[in-house]
Protein backbone atom coordinates (compact mmCIF):
# COMPACT_ATOMS: atom_id res chain seq x y z
CA MET A 1 41.37 -46.48 -10.14
CA GLN A 2 41.72 -44.41 -6.97
CA THR A 3 39.29 -44.34 -4.03
CA GLY A 4 35.97 -42.76 -4.98
CA ALA A 5 36.40 -43.27 -8.70
CA ILE A 6 33.45 -44.67 -10.67
CA THR A 7 35.24 -44.81 -14.04
CA PRO A 8 38.69 -43.63 -15.07
CA THR A 9 37.18 -40.17 -15.87
CA ILE A 10 34.28 -39.88 -13.37
CA ASP A 11 34.39 -39.98 -9.58
CA VAL A 12 31.87 -39.52 -6.75
CA ALA A 13 32.81 -35.88 -6.06
CA GLN A 14 32.17 -34.97 -9.69
CA VAL A 15 28.76 -36.64 -9.67
CA VAL A 16 27.82 -34.86 -6.43
CA LEU A 17 28.91 -31.52 -7.89
CA TYR A 18 26.83 -32.02 -11.04
CA ALA A 19 23.84 -33.13 -8.95
CA PHE A 20 24.14 -29.97 -6.84
CA TRP A 21 24.24 -27.79 -9.98
CA ILE A 22 21.08 -29.45 -11.32
CA PHE A 23 19.32 -29.11 -7.94
CA PHE A 24 20.33 -25.46 -7.59
CA ALA A 25 19.16 -24.60 -11.14
CA GLY A 26 15.83 -26.29 -10.43
CA LEU A 27 15.49 -24.41 -7.13
CA VAL A 28 16.15 -21.04 -8.78
CA THR A 29 13.63 -21.81 -11.53
CA TYR A 30 11.02 -22.89 -8.98
CA LEU A 31 11.47 -19.76 -6.86
CA LEU A 32 11.29 -17.49 -9.90
CA ARG A 33 8.03 -19.12 -11.00
CA GLU A 34 6.51 -18.93 -7.52
CA ASN A 35 7.44 -15.24 -7.42
CA LYS A 36 5.08 -14.67 -10.36
CA ARG A 37 1.85 -15.70 -8.63
CA GLU A 38 0.93 -12.05 -8.05
CA GLY A 39 1.14 -9.28 -10.62
CA TYR A 40 1.74 -11.43 -13.69
CA PRO A 41 1.46 -11.42 -16.61
CA LEU A 42 2.69 -7.84 -16.95
CA GLU A 43 1.22 -5.50 -19.52
CA SER A 44 3.21 -3.35 -21.92
CA ASP A 45 2.01 0.04 -23.10
CA ARG A 46 4.34 0.04 -26.09
CA SER A 47 1.45 0.95 -28.37
CA ALA A 48 -1.48 3.16 -27.43
CA ARG A 49 -3.50 1.87 -30.40
CA ALA A 50 -2.83 -1.89 -30.31
CA PRO A 51 -4.01 -4.15 -27.47
CA ARG A 52 -1.66 -4.29 -24.51
CA VAL A 53 0.98 -7.00 -24.80
CA PRO A 54 1.11 -9.53 -21.92
CA ILE A 55 4.63 -10.21 -20.65
CA GLN A 56 5.60 -13.30 -18.66
CA GLY A 57 9.35 -13.32 -19.00
CA TRP A 58 11.37 -16.41 -18.12
CA PRO A 59 10.32 -18.70 -16.62
CA SER A 60 6.61 -18.61 -17.39
CA ILE A 61 4.00 -18.07 -14.68
CA PRO A 62 3.11 -21.23 -12.70
CA SER A 63 -0.14 -23.12 -12.88
CA PRO A 64 -2.87 -21.89 -10.48
CA LYS A 65 -2.67 -23.01 -6.85
CA THR A 66 -5.50 -22.65 -4.32
CA TYR A 67 -4.75 -21.29 -0.85
CA LEU A 68 -7.06 -21.58 2.16
CA LEU A 69 -7.33 -18.27 4.02
CA ARG A 70 -7.75 -17.66 7.73
CA ASP A 71 -11.40 -16.65 7.42
CA GLY A 72 -12.32 -19.92 5.70
CA SER A 73 -12.37 -18.55 2.17
CA SER A 74 -9.94 -19.55 -0.57
CA VAL A 75 -8.10 -17.84 -3.38
CA SER A 76 -6.43 -19.24 -6.48
CA VAL A 77 -3.32 -17.57 -7.87
CA PRO A 78 -2.30 -16.66 -10.42
CA ARG A 79 -5.73 -15.60 -11.59
CA PRO A 80 -6.99 -13.41 -14.42
CA ALA A 81 -6.55 -9.75 -13.55
CA SER A 82 -9.70 -7.69 -13.16
CA ALA A 83 -10.29 -4.86 -15.57
CA PRO A 84 -8.24 -1.84 -14.41
CA ALA A 85 -10.07 1.29 -13.37
CA PRO A 86 -9.92 4.17 -15.86
CA LEU A 87 -6.66 6.02 -15.41
CA SER A 88 -7.08 9.70 -14.55
CA ALA A 89 -3.75 10.62 -16.10
CA ARG A 90 -1.98 10.82 -19.43
CA PRO A 91 1.66 10.11 -20.39
CA SER A 92 3.83 13.20 -20.55
CA GLY A 93 5.49 11.88 -23.71
CA PRO A 94 4.98 9.38 -26.55
CA TRP A 95 7.69 6.99 -25.38
CA PRO A 96 7.07 3.91 -23.19
CA GLY A 97 7.40 4.58 -19.49
CA ALA A 98 6.84 8.32 -19.78
CA PRO A 99 5.81 9.95 -16.47
CA LEU A 100 2.07 10.30 -15.92
CA VAL A 101 0.48 13.73 -15.67
CA PRO A 102 -2.78 13.70 -13.64
CA ASP A 103 -6.01 14.82 -15.28
CA GLY A 104 -8.30 17.03 -13.23
CA ASP A 105 -7.67 17.13 -9.48
CA PRO A 106 -4.24 15.51 -8.95
CA MET A 107 -5.15 14.76 -5.32
CA GLN A 108 -7.90 12.40 -6.53
CA ALA A 109 -6.19 11.00 -9.63
CA GLY A 110 -4.68 7.96 -7.90
CA VAL A 111 -1.31 8.20 -9.63
CA GLY A 112 2.25 8.90 -8.51
CA PRO A 113 2.49 9.28 -4.72
CA GLY A 114 -1.31 9.11 -4.64
CA SER A 115 -1.58 5.64 -6.18
CA TYR A 116 -3.09 2.77 -4.21
CA ALA A 117 -3.86 -0.94 -4.49
CA GLU A 118 -7.40 -2.30 -4.90
CA ARG A 119 -7.43 -4.19 -1.61
CA ALA A 120 -10.47 -5.94 -0.19
CA ASP A 121 -13.19 -3.58 1.02
CA VAL A 122 -13.42 -5.29 4.41
CA PRO A 123 -11.85 -4.42 7.78
CA ASP A 124 -8.55 -6.00 8.73
CA THR A 125 -8.77 -8.39 11.68
CA THR A 126 -6.64 -9.72 14.51
CA LEU A 127 -5.79 -13.40 14.90
CA ASP A 128 -9.02 -14.01 16.80
CA GLY A 129 -11.13 -12.33 14.11
CA ALA A 130 -11.81 -9.03 15.92
CA PRO A 131 -11.51 -5.74 14.02
CA ARG A 132 -7.88 -4.72 14.11
CA LEU A 133 -8.36 -0.94 14.00
CA LEU A 134 -10.85 0.69 16.37
CA PRO A 135 -11.22 4.09 18.04
CA LEU A 136 -10.49 4.43 21.74
CA ARG A 137 -14.13 5.20 22.47
CA VAL A 138 -15.10 1.58 21.84
CA LEU A 139 -12.07 -0.01 23.49
CA ALA A 140 -11.75 -0.63 27.19
CA GLY A 141 -8.30 -0.88 28.68
CA PHE A 142 -6.52 1.27 26.10
CA GLY A 143 -5.31 4.82 26.58
CA VAL A 144 -2.51 7.33 26.03
CA ASP A 145 0.67 6.82 28.02
CA HIS A 146 1.15 9.40 30.75
CA GLY A 147 4.53 10.35 29.30
CA ASP A 148 3.14 11.13 25.84
CA PRO A 149 1.09 14.15 24.74
CA ASP A 150 -2.62 13.44 24.28
CA PRO A 151 -3.59 15.04 20.95
CA ARG A 152 -7.33 14.93 21.61
CA GLY A 153 -8.64 18.49 21.61
CA LEU A 154 -5.59 19.91 19.81
CA PRO A 155 -5.94 21.89 16.55
CA VAL A 156 -4.64 20.35 13.32
CA ILE A 157 -2.50 22.81 11.36
CA GLY A 158 -2.08 22.30 7.61
CA ALA A 159 0.93 23.12 5.46
CA ASP A 160 -0.45 26.63 4.85
CA GLY A 161 -0.53 27.39 8.57
CA ALA A 162 -4.34 27.40 8.76
CA VAL A 163 -6.41 25.29 11.13
CA ALA A 164 -7.97 22.30 9.38
CA GLY A 165 -9.91 20.90 12.34
CA THR A 166 -9.62 19.42 15.82
CA VAL A 167 -8.46 15.98 16.92
CA THR A 168 -11.34 14.19 18.60
CA GLU A 169 -10.17 10.59 18.85
CA LEU A 170 -7.32 8.11 18.42
CA TRP A 171 -7.55 4.83 16.49
CA VAL A 172 -5.68 1.83 17.90
CA ASP A 173 -4.05 -1.04 16.06
CA GLN A 174 -4.84 -3.89 18.44
CA ALA A 175 -2.39 -6.26 16.75
CA GLU A 176 0.62 -3.93 16.99
CA MET A 177 -0.49 -2.08 20.16
CA LEU A 178 0.03 1.40 18.73
CA PHE A 179 -1.96 4.32 17.35
CA ARG A 180 -2.54 4.34 13.60
CA TYR A 181 -4.87 7.28 12.99
CA LEU A 182 -6.07 10.54 14.49
CA GLU A 183 -9.74 11.29 13.98
CA VAL A 184 -10.14 14.95 12.96
CA ALA A 185 -13.42 16.86 13.20
CA LEU A 186 -13.67 19.40 10.38
CA PRO A 187 -15.59 22.68 10.59
CA GLN A 188 -17.94 21.32 7.93
CA GLY A 189 -18.65 17.76 6.89
CA PRO A 190 -17.87 14.41 8.53
CA SER A 191 -14.76 13.63 10.55
CA VAL A 192 -11.80 12.20 8.66
CA LEU A 193 -8.86 9.98 9.58
CA LEU A 194 -5.33 11.39 9.64
CA PRO A 195 -2.57 8.73 9.42
CA ILE A 196 -0.38 9.32 12.43
CA ASN A 197 2.81 8.98 10.39
CA PHE A 198 1.79 12.14 8.50
CA ALA A 199 1.34 14.07 11.77
CA ARG A 200 3.78 15.81 14.10
CA ILE A 201 2.33 16.11 17.60
CA ASP A 202 3.43 18.45 20.35
CA ASP A 203 1.75 19.80 23.48
CA HIS A 204 -0.15 22.55 21.67
CA ARG A 205 -0.94 21.42 18.12
CA VAL A 206 -0.77 18.74 15.45
CA ARG A 207 1.10 19.76 12.32
CA VAL A 208 0.57 18.19 8.90
CA ARG A 209 2.87 19.12 6.01
CA SER A 210 1.31 16.99 3.30
CA LEU A 211 -2.02 18.87 3.05
CA CYS A 212 -3.27 22.42 3.25
CA ALA A 213 -6.12 23.07 5.65
CA ASP A 214 -8.88 23.24 3.01
CA GLN A 215 -7.73 19.95 1.43
CA PHE A 216 -8.74 17.94 4.50
CA ALA A 217 -12.30 18.09 3.19
CA GLY A 218 -11.24 15.78 0.34
CA VAL A 219 -9.92 12.98 2.57
CA PRO A 220 -11.95 9.83 1.75
CA ALA A 221 -14.66 9.37 4.37
CA LEU A 222 -15.53 6.10 6.10
CA ARG A 223 -18.56 4.18 4.90
CA VAL A 224 -19.30 2.86 8.40
CA PRO A 225 -18.45 4.80 11.59
CA ASP A 226 -15.91 3.12 13.90
CA ARG A 227 -14.80 0.78 11.09
CA VAL A 228 -12.16 1.26 8.40
CA THR A 229 -11.65 -1.22 5.59
CA LEU A 230 -8.41 -2.18 3.89
CA LEU A 231 -9.47 -0.35 0.73
CA GLU A 232 -10.43 2.77 2.70
CA GLU A 233 -7.02 2.70 4.38
CA GLU A 234 -5.33 2.54 0.99
CA LYS A 235 -7.30 5.53 -0.31
CA ILE A 236 -6.71 7.60 2.83
CA MET A 237 -2.97 6.96 2.78
CA ALA A 238 -2.89 7.67 -0.97
CA TYR A 239 -4.63 11.02 -0.50
CA PHE A 240 -2.08 12.18 2.05
CA GLY A 241 0.71 10.76 -0.11
CA ALA A 242 -0.57 12.72 -3.10
CA GLY A 243 -0.37 15.89 -1.04
CA THR A 244 3.39 15.51 -0.66
CA LEU A 245 3.67 16.34 -4.37
CA TYR A 246 0.38 17.90 -5.47
CA ALA A 247 -0.83 19.92 -2.45
CA THR A 248 0.76 23.12 -3.79
CA PRO A 249 2.01 23.96 -7.31
CA ASP A 250 5.54 24.71 -6.12
CA ARG A 251 6.00 21.11 -4.90
CA GLN A 252 5.89 19.93 -8.51
CA GLU A 253 8.74 22.21 -9.58
CA PRO A 254 12.44 21.19 -9.66
CA LEU A 255 14.55 21.96 -6.60
CA LEU A 256 17.16 23.79 -8.69
């Protein structure tokens, strides 16, 4: 037998190769299972009359594992999914996966570009436990750079060209050191938050294409002034996202 041979038909290189194949297959299986700790089992809507069919796929979901969170609490995943909120939409056809058509006000239906995740109804925090998002009025040492336009006091113009309100404040993300929201005072009702990525700011105005002026009154309001929770952020972003499709009837029509 030659160097490295174990038997006349098996050598060390062959054993190492087979061991690598077994290790790699186990690694892929492990990673696929760990990837199913959130969102599984899936549910099929193949039948509107029969109970929804749970789908795990291959490999099956892993056994629950408990994680310790930064705030001292713990969470075990995977865990039984909570009962879904009633869907304010209906399928556009009888086949599985048919697009959903909103019922009632499409801006409030929570489907399509207006969908959102049921995140925790608590404020996000920085590494030291302080609220991550706060308005400038309660923060010392933060301000608008001298080279950038200060939107406070500027009118907010909706997609219809009408004035929706006036910017009164900026909200700072203390973890990322940037502005996340503009606080807009409406002619009637409480002030609302405008995600800054939906705004275009110049020296004279703030333009918003996703909403018409009168639709700003429907932006989800904050439960506590000077605090915004993760769930409130989801709903605010979803409302502006819904406007990109549902703000005007013509946005739902084909381009051609």
